[in-house]
C-alpha cells in the first residue's frame, strides 16, 4: 500500500468532518462515506476494503462525533473540529501505515 494514497485517503475523510449546525454548543458532523463514495474518489479497492471492513471503522466514527465531549470548555469550535479531524488521521494512519 502506498503511503501517499493512505495520506490522500485520510485527508479526504477528514474533509467530510465538519461542524454541525446546532444551538446546543459545539457539535461535529461526519458525512460517512460508503463504498461508492470511495470509488468515486478513485481509491484503491483493496485500501477501501481494509478500511470499511475493519473492526476499528465504527469506533472511529463514534469517536469523531463524540469529540466535543472530550474538549475543554474554553476550546473554540475550530479547535474541536481540528481535534475531530485528528481522530481520522490517528485511526487511519495508525492502522494502515503498518
PDB file of N, CA and C in Angstrom:
ATOM      1  N   UNK A   1       0.832  -1.176   0.000  1.00  0.00           N
ATOM      2  CA  UNK A   1       0.000   0.000   0.000  1.00  0.00           C
ATOM      3  C   UNK A   1       0.882   1.247   0.000  1.00  0.00           C
ATOM      4  N   UNK A   2       0.572   2.174  -0.814  1.00  0.00           N
ATOM      5  CA  UNK A   2       1.343   3.395  -0.966  1.00  0.00           C
ATOM      6  C   UNK A   2       0.987   4.410   0.122  1.00  0.00           C
ATOM      7  N   UNK A   3       2.007   4.938   0.800  1.00  0.00           N
ATOM      8  CA  UNK A   3       1.771   5.895   1.892  1.00  0.00           C
ATOM      9  C   UNK A   3       1.089   7.169   1.401  1.00  0.00           C
ATOM     10  N   UNK A   4       1.404   7.588   0.204  1.00  0.00           N
ATOM     11  CA  UNK A   4       0.760   8.788  -0.344  1.00  0.00           C
ATOM     12  C   UNK A   4      -0.738   8.554  -0.549  1.00  0.00           C
ATOM     13  N   UNK A   5      -1.095   7.359  -0.969  1.00  0.00           N
ATOM     14  CA  UNK A   5      -2.508   7.034  -1.163  1.00  0.00           C
ATOM     15  C   UNK A   5      -3.246   6.988   0.178  1.00  0.00           C
ATOM     16  N   UNK A   6      -2.603   6.452   1.203  1.00  0.00           N
ATOM     17  CA  UNK A   6      -3.200   6.426   2.537  1.00  0.00           C
ATOM     18  C   UNK A   6      -3.386   7.853   3.047  1.00  0.00           C
ATOM     19  N   UNK A   7      -2.391   8.683   2.847  1.00  0.00           N
ATOM     20  CA  UNK A   7      -2.498  10.086   3.268  1.00  0.00           C
ATOM     21  C   UNK A   7      -3.617  10.782   2.513  1.00  0.00           C
ATOM     22  N   UNK A   8      -3.702  10.570   1.213  1.00  0.00           N
ATOM     23  CA  UNK A   8      -4.771  11.171   0.419  1.00  0.00           C
ATOM     24  C   UNK A   8      -6.131  10.727   0.941  1.00  0.00           C
ATOM     25  N   UNK A   9      -6.216   9.454   1.336  1.00  0.00           N
ATOM     26  CA  UNK A   9      -7.488   8.941   1.828  1.00  0.00           C
ATOM     27  C   UNK A   9      -7.853   9.571   3.164  1.00  0.00           C
ATOM     28  N   UNK A  10      -6.932   9.619   4.122  1.00  0.00           N
ATOM     29  CA  UNK A  10      -7.340  10.194   5.406  1.00  0.00           C
ATOM     30  C   UNK A  10      -7.613  11.678   5.291  1.00  0.00           C
ATOM     31  N   UNK A  11      -6.921  12.365   4.405  1.00  0.00           N
ATOM     32  CA  UNK A  11      -7.231  13.784   4.193  1.00  0.00           C
ATOM     33  C   UNK A  11      -8.620  13.952   3.571  1.00  0.00           C
ATOM     34  N   UNK A  12      -8.973  13.071   2.667  1.00  0.00           N
ATOM     35  CA  UNK A  12     -10.302  13.092   2.047  1.00  0.00           C
ATOM     36  C   UNK A  12     -11.375  12.811   3.096  1.00  0.00           C
ATOM     37  N   UNK A  13     -11.127  11.822   3.949  1.00  0.00           N
ATOM     38  CA  UNK A  13     -12.088  11.516   5.022  1.00  0.00           C
ATOM     39  C   UNK A  13     -12.182  12.708   5.970  1.00  0.00           C
ATOM     40  N   UNK A  14     -11.053  13.312   6.307  1.00  0.00           N
ATOM     41  CA  UNK A  14     -11.058  14.479   7.185  1.00  0.00           C
ATOM     42  C   UNK A  14     -11.928  15.600   6.616  1.00  0.00           C
ATOM     43  N   UNK A  15     -11.944  15.755   5.312  1.00  0.00           N
ATOM     44  CA  UNK A  15     -12.742  16.825   4.699  1.00  0.00           C
ATOM     45  C   UNK A  15     -14.237  16.598   4.884  1.00  0.00           C
ATOM     46  N   UNK A  16     -14.621  15.397   5.258  1.00  0.00           N
ATOM     47  CA  UNK A  16     -16.030  15.062   5.470  1.00  0.00           C
ATOM     48  C   UNK A  16     -16.448  15.280   6.930  1.00  0.00           C
ATOM     49  N   UNK A  17     -15.502  15.704   7.754  1.00  0.00           N
ATOM     50  CA  UNK A  17     -15.764  16.031   9.159  1.00  0.00           C
ATOM     51  C   UNK A  17     -15.956  17.544   9.238  1.00  0.00           C
ATOM     52  N   UNK A  18     -17.122  17.968   9.708  1.00  0.00           N
ATOM     53  CA  UNK A  18     -17.446  19.391   9.755  1.00  0.00           C
ATOM     54  C   UNK A  18     -18.126  19.739  11.073  1.00  0.00           C
ATOM     55  N   UNK A  19     -18.260  21.023  11.297  1.00  0.00           N
ATOM     56  CA  UNK A  19     -19.040  21.486  12.442  1.00  0.00           C
ATOM     57  C   UNK A  19     -20.513  21.328  12.108  1.00  0.00           C
ATOM     58  N   UNK A  20     -21.273  20.835  13.058  1.00  0.00           N
ATOM     59  CA  UNK A  20     -22.705  20.660  12.855  1.00  0.00           C
ATOM     60  C   UNK A  20     -23.438  21.939  13.222  1.00  0.00           C
ATOM     61  N   UNK A  21     -24.546  22.148  12.593  1.00  0.00           N
ATOM     62  CA  UNK A  21     -25.392  23.299  12.885  1.00  0.00           C
ATOM     63  C   UNK A  21     -26.222  22.988  14.122  1.00  0.00           C
ATOM     64  N   UNK A  22     -25.904  23.648  15.221  1.00  0.00           N
ATOM     65  CA  UNK A  22     -26.651  23.403  16.445  1.00  0.00           C
ATOM     66  C   UNK A  22     -26.582  24.619  17.356  1.00  0.00           C
ATOM     67  N   UNK A  23     -27.603  24.792  18.143  1.00  0.00           N
ATOM     68  CA  UNK A  23     -27.594  25.890  19.120  1.00  0.00           C
ATOM     69  C   UNK A  23     -27.225  25.373  20.505  1.00  0.00           C
ATOM     70  N   UNK A  24     -26.955  24.085  20.601  1.00  0.00           N
ATOM     71  CA  UNK A  24     -26.637  23.443  21.877  1.00  0.00           C
ATOM     72  C   UNK A  24     -25.141  23.424  22.179  1.00  0.00           C
ATOM     73  N   UNK A  25     -24.360  24.213  21.490  1.00  0.00           N
ATOM     74  CA  UNK A  25     -22.918  24.194  21.684  1.00  0.00           C
ATOM     75  C   UNK A  25     -22.232  23.605  20.473  1.00  0.00           C
ATOM     76  N   UNK A  26     -21.007  23.194  20.651  1.00  0.00           N
ATOM     77  CA  UNK A  26     -20.220  22.665  19.537  1.00  0.00           C
ATOM     78  C   UNK A  26     -20.616  21.220  19.276  1.00  0.00           C
ATOM     79  N   UNK A  27     -20.863  20.920  18.013  1.00  0.00           N
ATOM     80  CA  UNK A  27     -21.177  19.552  17.604  1.00  0.00           C
ATOM     81  C   UNK A  27     -20.429  19.258  16.307  1.00  0.00           C
ATOM     82  N   UNK A  28     -20.109  18.004  16.119  1.00  0.00           N
ATOM     83  CA  UNK A  28     -19.385  17.548  14.938  1.00  0.00           C
ATOM     84  C   UNK A  28     -20.303  16.685  14.095  1.00  0.00           C
ATOM     85  N   UNK A  29     -20.222  16.893  12.797  1.00  0.00           N
ATOM     86  CA  UNK A  29     -20.963  16.095  11.832  1.00  0.00           C
ATOM     87  C   UNK A  29     -19.958  15.326  10.983  1.00  0.00           C
ATOM     88  N   UNK A  30     -20.278  14.090  10.665  1.00  0.00           N
ATOM     89  CA  UNK A  30     -19.406  13.287   9.811  1.00  0.00           C
ATOM     90  C   UNK A  30     -20.246  12.710   8.688  1.00  0.00           C
ATOM     91  N   UNK A  31     -19.945  13.141   7.484  1.00  0.00           N
ATOM     92  CA  UNK A  31     -20.604  12.614   6.285  1.00  0.00           C
ATOM     93  C   UNK A  31     -19.896  11.306   5.939  1.00  0.00           C
ATOM     94  N   UNK A  32     -20.354  10.253   6.587  1.00  0.00           N
ATOM     95  CA  UNK A  32     -19.673   8.959   6.478  1.00  0.00           C
ATOM     96  C   UNK A  32     -19.732   8.429   5.044  1.00  0.00           C
ATOM     97  N   UNK A  33     -18.569   8.195   4.456  1.00  0.00           N
ATOM     98  CA  UNK A  33     -18.552   7.714   3.077  1.00  0.00           C
ATOM     99  C   UNK A  33     -18.921   6.239   2.986  1.00  0.00           C
ATOM    100  N   UNK A  34     -19.573   5.895   1.896  1.00  0.00           N
ATOM    101  CA  UNK A  34     -19.862   4.488   1.624  1.00  0.00           C
ATOM    102  C   UNK A  34     -18.907   4.016   0.525  1.00  0.00           C
ATOM    103  N   UNK A  35     -18.944   2.736   0.198  1.00  0.00           N
ATOM    104  CA  UNK A  35     -18.008   2.231  -0.815  1.00  0.00           C
ATOM    105  C   UNK A  35     -18.072   2.995  -2.143  1.00  0.00           C
ATOM    106  N   UNK A  36     -19.260   3.423  -2.542  1.00  0.00           N
ATOM    107  CA  UNK A  36     -19.378   4.178  -3.791  1.00  0.00           C
ATOM    108  C   UNK A  36     -18.664   5.524  -3.708  1.00  0.00           C
ATOM    109  N   UNK A  37     -18.736   6.159  -2.556  1.00  0.00           N
ATOM    110  CA  UNK A  37     -18.030   7.437  -2.374  1.00  0.00           C
ATOM    111  C   UNK A  37     -16.522   7.246  -2.546  1.00  0.00           C
ATOM    112  N   UNK A  38     -16.004   6.187  -1.948  1.00  0.00           N
ATOM    113  CA  UNK A  38     -14.577   5.894  -2.084  1.00  0.00           C
ATOM    114  C   UNK A  38     -14.225   5.600  -3.541  1.00  0.00           C
ATOM    115  N   UNK A  39     -15.081   4.852  -4.193  1.00  0.00           N
ATOM    116  CA  UNK A  39     -14.863   4.516  -5.599  1.00  0.00           C
ATOM    117  C   UNK A  39     -14.889   5.772  -6.467  1.00  0.00           C
ATOM    118  N   UNK A  40     -15.861   6.645  -6.215  1.00  0.00           N
ATOM    119  CA  UNK A  40     -15.953   7.899  -6.969  1.00  0.00           C
ATOM    120  C   UNK A  40     -14.717   8.767  -6.773  1.00  0.00           C
ATOM    121  N   UNK A  41     -14.083   8.655  -5.605  1.00  0.00           N
ATOM    122  CA  UNK A  41     -12.870   9.414  -5.313  1.00  0.00           C
ATOM    123  C   UNK A  41     -11.616   8.693  -5.819  1.00  0.00           C
ATOM    124  N   UNK A  42     -11.837   7.553  -6.485  1.00  0.00           N
ATOM    125  CA  UNK A  42     -10.768   6.797  -7.134  1.00  0.00           C
ATOM    126  C   UNK A  42      -9.722   6.238  -6.170  1.00  0.00           C
ATOM    127  N   UNK A  43     -10.206   5.654  -5.067  1.00  0.00           N
ATOM    128  CA  UNK A  43      -9.296   4.987  -4.141  1.00  0.00           C
ATOM    129  C   UNK A  43      -9.160   3.521  -4.507  1.00  0.00           C
ATOM    130  N   UNK A  44      -8.001   2.974  -4.204  1.00  0.00           N
ATOM    131  CA  UNK A  44      -7.717   1.566  -4.458  1.00  0.00           C
ATOM    132  C   UNK A  44      -8.740   0.701  -3.726  1.00  0.00           C
ATOM    133  N   UNK A  45      -9.399  -0.212  -4.430  1.00  0.00           N
ATOM    134  CA  UNK A  45     -10.423  -1.057  -3.796  1.00  0.00           C
ATOM    135  C   UNK A  45      -9.910  -1.848  -2.589  1.00  0.00           C
ATOM    136  N   UNK A  46      -8.668  -2.302  -2.637  1.00  0.00           N
ATOM    137  CA  UNK A  46      -8.104  -3.043  -1.512  1.00  0.00           C
ATOM    138  C   UNK A  46      -7.984  -2.145  -0.277  1.00  0.00           C
ATOM    139  N   UNK A  47      -7.560  -0.913  -0.486  1.00  0.00           N
ATOM    140  CA  UNK A  47      -7.440   0.039   0.607  1.00  0.00           C
ATOM    141  C   UNK A  47      -8.810   0.349   1.203  1.00  0.00           C
ATOM    142  N   UNK A  48      -9.792   0.496   0.360  1.00  0.00           N
ATOM    143  CA  UNK A  48     -11.162   0.766   0.817  1.00  0.00           C
ATOM    144  C   UNK A  48     -11.680  -0.407   1.637  1.00  0.00           C
ATOM    145  N   UNK A  49     -11.459  -1.601   1.142  1.00  0.00           N
ATOM    146  CA  UNK A  49     -11.912  -2.791   1.867  1.00  0.00           C
ATOM    147  C   UNK A  49     -11.240  -2.891   3.230  1.00  0.00           C
ATOM    148  N   UNK A  50      -9.936  -2.649   3.280  1.00  0.00           N
ATOM    149  CA  UNK A  50      -9.212  -2.694   4.551  1.00  0.00           C
ATOM    150  C   UNK A  50      -9.723  -1.652   5.533  1.00  0.00           C
ATOM    151  N   UNK A  51     -10.259  -0.584   5.014  1.00  0.00           N
ATOM    152  CA  UNK A  51     -10.767   0.493   5.856  1.00  0.00           C
ATOM    153  C   UNK A  51     -12.200   0.224   6.301  1.00  0.00           C
ATOM    154  N   UNK A  52     -13.097   0.092   5.356  1.00  0.00           N
ATOM    155  CA  UNK A  52     -14.520  -0.030   5.691  1.00  0.00           C
ATOM    156  C   UNK A  52     -14.885  -1.346   6.362  1.00  0.00           C
ATOM    157  N   UNK A  53     -14.146  -2.382   6.101  1.00  0.00           N
ATOM    158  CA  UNK A  53     -14.470  -3.676   6.691  1.00  0.00           C
ATOM    159  C   UNK A  53     -13.647  -3.970   7.940  1.00  0.00           C
ATOM    160  N   UNK A  54     -12.973  -2.970   8.436  1.00  0.00           N
ATOM    161  CA  UNK A  54     -12.137  -3.147   9.620  1.00  0.00           C
ATOM    162  C   UNK A  54     -12.978  -3.101  10.897  1.00  0.00           C
ATOM    163  N   UNK A  55     -12.398  -3.609  11.963  1.00  0.00           N
ATOM    164  CA  UNK A  55     -13.052  -3.567  13.274  1.00  0.00           C
ATOM    165  C   UNK A  55     -13.050  -2.156  13.854  1.00  0.00           C
ATOM    166  N   UNK A  56     -12.133  -1.326  13.421  1.00  0.00           N
ATOM    167  CA  UNK A  56     -11.965  -0.001  14.012  1.00  0.00           C
ATOM    168  C   UNK A  56     -12.802   1.088  13.360  1.00  0.00           C
ATOM    169  N   UNK A  57     -13.353   0.861  12.174  1.00  0.00           N
ATOM    170  CA  UNK A  57     -14.074   1.919  11.457  1.00  0.00           C
ATOM    171  C   UNK A  57     -15.228   2.494  12.279  1.00  0.00           C
ATOM    172  N   UNK A  58     -16.102   1.657  12.789  1.00  0.00           N
ATOM    173  CA  UNK A  58     -17.257   2.147  13.559  1.00  0.00           C
ATOM    174  C   UNK A  58     -16.824   2.856  14.834  1.00  0.00           C
ATOM    175  N   UNK A  59     -15.784   2.363  15.456  1.00  0.00           N
ATOM    176  CA  UNK A  59     -15.243   3.020  16.649  1.00  0.00           C
ATOM    177  C   UNK A  59     -14.741   4.425  16.304  1.00  0.00           C
ATOM    178  N   UNK A  60     -14.084   4.534  15.154  1.00  0.00           N
ATOM    179  CA  UNK A  60     -13.597   5.837  14.710  1.00  0.00           C
ATOM    180  C   UNK A  60     -14.767   6.802  14.479  1.00  0.00           C
ATOM    181  N   UNK A  61     -15.804   6.334  13.832  1.00  0.00           N
ATOM    182  CA  UNK A  61     -16.968   7.180  13.552  1.00  0.00           C
ATOM    183  C   UNK A  61     -17.558   7.722  14.855  1.00  0.00           C
ATOM    184  N   UNK A  62     -17.684   6.864  15.837  1.00  0.00           N
ATOM    185  CA  UNK A  62     -18.213   7.286  17.139  1.00  0.00           C
ATOM    186  C   UNK A  62     -17.283   8.304  17.785  1.00  0.00           C
ATOM    187  N   UNK A  63     -15.978   8.033  17.758  1.00  0.00           N
ATOM    188  CA  UNK A  63     -15.010   8.956  18.362  1.00  0.00           C
ATOM    189  C   UNK A  63     -15.029  10.320  17.685  1.00  0.00           C
ATOM    190  N   UNK A  64     -15.213  10.344  16.387  1.00  0.00           N
ATOM    191  CA  UNK A  64     -15.285  11.620  15.663  1.00  0.00           C
ATOM    192  C   UNK A  64     -16.438  12.458  16.188  1.00  0.00           C
ATOM    193  N   UNK A  65     -17.619  11.864  16.214  1.00  0.00           N
ATOM    194  CA  UNK A  65     -18.828  12.597  16.603  1.00  0.00           C
ATOM    195  C   UNK A  65     -18.803  12.975  18.083  1.00  0.00           C
ATOM    196  N   UNK A  66     -18.168  12.164  18.901  1.00  0.00           N
ATOM    197  CA  UNK A  66     -18.115  12.440  20.343  1.00  0.00           C
ATOM    198  C   UNK A  66     -16.952  13.348  20.751  1.00  0.00           C
ATOM    199  N   UNK A  67     -16.169  13.812  19.801  1.00  0.00           N
ATOM    200  CA  UNK A  67     -15.029  14.665  20.116  1.00  0.00           C
ATOM    201  C   UNK A  67     -15.381  15.842  21.022  1.00  0.00           C
ATOM    202  N   UNK A  68     -16.480  16.560  20.787  1.00  0.00           N
ATOM    203  CA  UNK A  68     -16.789  17.699  21.664  1.00  0.00           C
ATOM    204  C   UNK A  68     -16.944  17.313  23.138  1.00  0.00           C
ATOM    205  N   UNK A  69     -17.332  16.074  23.411  1.00  0.00           N
ATOM    206  CA  UNK A  69     -17.493  15.620  24.792  1.00  0.00           C
ATOM    207  C   UNK A  69     -16.169  15.618  25.552  1.00  0.00           C
ATOM    208  N   UNK A  70     -15.074  15.536  24.820  1.00  0.00           N
ATOM    209  CA  UNK A  70     -13.754  15.439  25.449  1.00  0.00           C
ATOM    210  C   UNK A  70     -12.952  16.730  25.356  1.00  0.00           C
ATOM    211  N   UNK A  71     -13.512  17.731  24.720  1.00  0.00           N
ATOM    212  CA  UNK A  71     -12.825  19.012  24.577  1.00  0.00           C
ATOM    213  C   UNK A  71     -12.935  19.819  25.866  1.00  0.00           C
ATOM    214  N   UNK A  72     -12.005  20.720  26.045  1.00  0.00           N
ATOM    215  CA  UNK A  72     -12.046  21.639  27.180  1.00  0.00           C
ATOM    216  C   UNK A  72     -13.148  22.675  26.940  1.00  0.00           C
ATOM    217  N   UNK A  73     -13.775  23.138  28.002  1.00  0.00           N
ATOM    218  CA  UNK A  73     -14.871  24.103  27.842  1.00  0.00           C
ATOM    219  C   UNK A  73     -14.478  25.385  27.096  1.00  0.00           C
ATOM    220  N   UNK A  74     -13.223  25.784  27.195  1.00  0.00           N
ATOM    221  CA  UNK A  74     -12.805  27.012  26.525  1.00  0.00           C
ATOM    222  C   UNK A  74     -12.237  26.786  25.126  1.00  0.00           C
ATOM    223  N   UNK A  75     -12.251  25.546  24.630  1.00  0.00           N
ATOM    224  CA  UNK A  75     -11.789  25.271  23.270  1.00  0.00           C
ATOM    225  C   UNK A  75     -12.768  25.869  22.262  1.00  0.00           C
ATOM    226  N   UNK A  76     -12.229  26.481  21.239  1.00  0.00           N
ATOM    227  CA  UNK A  76     -13.076  27.069  20.202  1.00  0.00           C
ATOM    228  C   UNK A  76     -13.655  25.973  19.306  1.00  0.00           C
ATOM    229  N   UNK A  77     -14.668  26.339  18.557  1.00  0.00           N
ATOM    230  CA  UNK A  77     -15.274  25.394  17.615  1.00  0.00           C
ATOM    231  C   UNK A  77     -14.233  24.906  16.604  1.00  0.00           C
ATOM    232  N   UNK A  78     -13.379  25.800  16.139  1.00  0.00           N
ATOM    233  CA  UNK A  78     -12.343  25.407  15.181  1.00  0.00           C
ATOM    234  C   UNK A  78     -11.347  24.430  15.793  1.00  0.00           C
ATOM    235  N   UNK A  79     -11.019  24.614  17.071  1.00  0.00           N
ATOM    236  CA  UNK A  79     -10.115  23.671  17.740  1.00  0.00           C
ATOM    237  C   UNK A  79     -10.759  22.289  17.836  1.00  0.00           C
ATOM    238  N   UNK A  80     -12.023  22.263  18.210  1.00  0.00           N
ATOM    239  CA  UNK A  80     -12.727  20.984  18.341  1.00  0.00           C
ATOM    240  C   UNK A  80     -12.823  20.295  16.981  1.00  0.00           C
ATOM    241  N   UNK A  81     -13.083  21.066  15.937  1.00  0.00           N
ATOM    242  CA  UNK A  81     -13.119  20.497  14.585  1.00  0.00           C
ATOM    243  C   UNK A  81     -11.763  19.899  14.236  1.00  0.00           C
ATOM    244  N   UNK A  82     -10.709  20.595  14.558  1.00  0.00           N
ATOM    245  CA  UNK A  82      -9.370  20.076  14.282  1.00  0.00           C
ATOM    246  C   UNK A  82      -9.101  18.792  15.073  1.00  0.00           C
ATOM    247  N   UNK A  83      -9.535  18.742  16.318  1.00  0.00           N
ATOM    248  CA  UNK A  83      -9.392  17.518  17.125  1.00  0.00           C
ATOM    249  C   UNK A  83     -10.132  16.358  16.458  1.00  0.00           C
ATOM    250  N   UNK A  84     -11.339  16.619  15.981  1.00  0.00           N
ATOM    251  CA  UNK A  84     -12.140  15.564  15.342  1.00  0.00           C
ATOM    252  C   UNK A  84     -11.452  15.071  14.069  1.00  0.00           C
ATOM    253  N   UNK A  85     -10.897  15.979  13.321  1.00  0.00           N
ATOM    254  CA  UNK A  85     -10.172  15.579  12.103  1.00  0.00           C
ATOM    255  C   UNK A  85      -8.902  14.811  12.447  1.00  0.00           C
ATOM    256  N   UNK A  86      -8.274  15.153  13.569  1.00  0.00           N
ATOM    257  CA  UNK A  86      -7.099  14.405  14.020  1.00  0.00           C
ATOM    258  C   UNK A  86      -7.457  12.964  14.369  1.00  0.00           C
ATOM    259  N   UNK A  87      -8.676  12.750  14.843  1.00  0.00           N
ATOM    260  CA  UNK A  87      -9.132  11.388  15.144  1.00  0.00           C
ATOM    261  C   UNK A  87      -9.020  10.527  13.888  1.00  0.00           C
ATOM    262  N   UNK A  88      -9.434  11.081  12.756  1.00  0.00           N
ATOM    263  CA  UNK A  88      -9.360  10.341  11.492  1.00  0.00           C
ATOM    264  C   UNK A  88      -7.921   9.962  11.182  1.00  0.00           C
ATOM    265  N   UNK A  89      -7.038  10.929  11.266  1.00  0.00           N
ATOM    266  CA  UNK A  89      -5.638  10.656  10.958  1.00  0.00           C
ATOM    267  C   UNK A  89      -5.074   9.589  11.882  1.00  0.00           C
ATOM    268  N   UNK A  90      -5.365   9.704  13.164  1.00  0.00           N
ATOM    269  CA  UNK A  90      -4.846   8.731  14.132  1.00  0.00           C
ATOM    270  C   UNK A  90      -5.320   7.314  13.804  1.00  0.00           C
ATOM    271  N   UNK A  91      -6.586   7.165  13.529  1.00  0.00           N
ATOM    272  CA  UNK A  91      -7.118   5.831  13.229  1.00  0.00           C
ATOM    273  C   UNK A  91      -6.566   5.286  11.910  1.00  0.00           C
ATOM    274  N   UNK A  92      -6.675   6.058  10.849  1.00  0.00           N
ATOM    275  CA  UNK A  92      -6.315   5.557   9.532  1.00  0.00           C
ATOM    276  C   UNK A  92      -4.801   5.357   9.416  1.00  0.00           C
ATOM    277  N   UNK A  93      -4.040   6.364   9.758  1.00  0.00           N
ATOM    278  CA  UNK A  93      -2.588   6.246   9.627  1.00  0.00           C
ATOM    279  C   UNK A  93      -2.038   5.149  10.519  1.00  0.00           C
ATOM    280  N   UNK A  94      -2.507   5.087  11.717  1.00  0.00           N
ATOM    281  CA  UNK A  94      -2.006   4.094  12.676  1.00  0.00           C
ATOM    282  C   UNK A  94      -2.269   2.671  12.211  1.00  0.00           C
ATOM    283  N   UNK A  95      -3.404   2.452  11.587  1.00  0.00           N
ATOM    284  CA  UNK A  95      -3.774   1.085  11.203  1.00  0.00           C
ATOM    285  C   UNK A  95      -3.312   0.686   9.812  1.00  0.00           C
ATOM    286  N   UNK A  96      -3.146   1.646   8.927  1.00  0.00           N
ATOM    287  CA  UNK A  96      -2.789   1.302   7.551  1.00  0.00           C
ATOM    288  C   UNK A  96      -1.330   1.533   7.205  1.00  0.00           C
ATOM    289  N   UNK A  97      -0.601   2.287   8.010  1.00  0.00           N
ATOM    290  CA  UNK A  97       0.821   2.503   7.745  1.00  0.00           C
ATOM    291  C   UNK A  97       1.679   1.381   8.300  1.00  0.00           C
ATOM    292  N   UNK A  98       1.091   0.266   8.638  1.00  0.00           N
ATOM    293  CA  UNK A  98       1.862  -0.844   9.201  1.00  0.00           C
ATOM    294  C   UNK A  98       2.345  -1.781   8.135  1.00  0.00           C
TER     295      UNK A  98
END
